Amino acid sequence: MQLAKGATCGPHCYSLAVSLRNFAAGPHTVACWSGHAGQFDSYSTSTQTSSGCSYGHPHDTVWVVVEGHRSNTVTW
């Protein structure tokens, strides 16, 4: 699983671009986390690439958790 900044959604705001690799086909719940706010959103996806969360706090860290697996951490 890989996390990166996605499309911009406002000043300092970007979507979280999530790429799932080596996950079984079917729906998966993506939980979005930050160092500042803890878990701030979640969504379900059945695609390998998705961007259901966005975040806009500069100098914070974000990551996602899918089925107990944590992604890399990205500094905003």
Protein backbone atom coordinates (compact mmCIF):
# COMPACT_ATOMS: atom_id res chain seq x y z
CA MET A 1 0.00 0.00 0.00
CA GLN A 2 1.27 3.46 -0.88
CA LEU A 3 0.04 6.92 0.18
CA ALA A 4 0.79 10.19 -1.64
CA LYS A 5 -0.61 13.70 -1.98
CA GLY A 6 -3.37 13.74 -4.56
CA ALA A 7 -5.26 16.58 -6.18
CA THR A 8 -5.46 19.95 -4.46
CA CYS A 9 -8.77 20.83 -2.81
CA GLY A 10 -7.96 24.28 -1.40
CA PRO A 11 -5.19 26.19 0.36
CA HIS A 12 -2.86 23.57 1.87
CA CYS A 13 -5.54 20.95 1.20
CA TYR A 14 -4.92 17.79 -0.81
CA SER A 15 -6.72 14.53 -1.30
CA LEU A 16 -4.98 11.43 0.02
CA ALA A 17 -4.10 9.24 -2.96
CA VAL A 18 -4.13 5.60 -1.79
CA SER A 19 -2.79 2.74 -3.91
CA LEU A 20 -3.64 -0.74 -2.63
CA ARG A 21 -1.32 -3.56 -3.65
CA ASN A 22 -1.60 -7.23 -2.76
CA PHE A 23 -5.09 -6.90 -1.30
CA ALA A 24 -7.81 -9.39 -2.23
CA ALA A 25 -10.53 -8.24 -4.61
CA GLY A 26 -13.61 -6.74 -2.97
CA PRO A 27 -14.42 -3.82 -0.70
CA HIS A 28 -11.89 -2.47 1.79
CA THR A 29 -12.29 0.19 4.46
CA VAL A 30 -9.65 2.91 4.37
CA ALA A 31 -9.21 4.77 7.68
CA CYS A 32 -7.49 8.16 7.37
CA TRP A 33 -5.28 9.34 10.23
CA SER A 34 -3.19 12.40 11.12
CA GLY A 35 -0.68 13.16 13.82
CA HIS A 36 -2.77 16.17 14.84
CA ALA A 37 -6.33 14.83 14.79
CA GLY A 38 -6.08 11.03 15.04
CA GLN A 39 -8.57 9.24 12.80
CA PHE A 40 -10.42 11.96 10.91
CA ASP A 41 -12.29 10.07 8.18
CA SER A 42 -12.86 6.68 6.54
CA TYR A 43 -14.41 5.30 3.37
CA SER A 44 -14.95 2.03 1.55
CA THR A 45 -13.39 1.23 -1.82
CA SER A 46 -13.21 -1.72 -4.21
CA THR A 47 -10.59 -0.14 -6.48
CA GLN A 48 -6.80 -0.34 -6.29
CA THR A 49 -6.42 3.45 -6.43
CA SER A 50 -8.70 5.79 -4.50
CA SER A 51 -8.82 9.20 -2.83
CA GLY A 52 -11.77 9.36 -0.45
CA CYS A 53 -10.16 11.58 2.22
CA SER A 54 -8.63 15.05 2.07
CA TYR A 55 -6.48 16.92 4.57
CA GLY A 56 -5.39 20.55 4.97
CA HIS A 57 -3.12 21.10 7.98
CA PRO A 58 0.41 22.13 6.90
CA HIS A 59 3.38 20.50 8.64
CA ASP A 60 1.27 17.61 9.94
CA THR A 61 1.67 13.92 9.13
CA VAL A 62 -0.97 11.67 7.58
CA TRP A 63 -1.32 7.94 6.91
CA VAL A 64 -4.05 5.40 6.20
CA VAL A 65 -4.85 2.02 7.71
CA VAL A 66 -6.51 -0.77 5.72
CA GLU A 67 -7.36 -4.05 7.43
CA GLY A 68 -4.76 -3.43 10.13
CA HIS A 69 -2.00 -2.50 7.64
CA ARG A 70 -0.56 1.00 7.94
CA SER A 71 0.67 2.93 4.91
CA ASN A 72 3.76 5.08 4.69
CA THR A 73 3.54 8.45 6.46
CA VAL A 74 3.36 11.64 4.39
CA THR A 75 4.22 15.08 5.78
CA TRP A 76 1.77 17.69 4.60
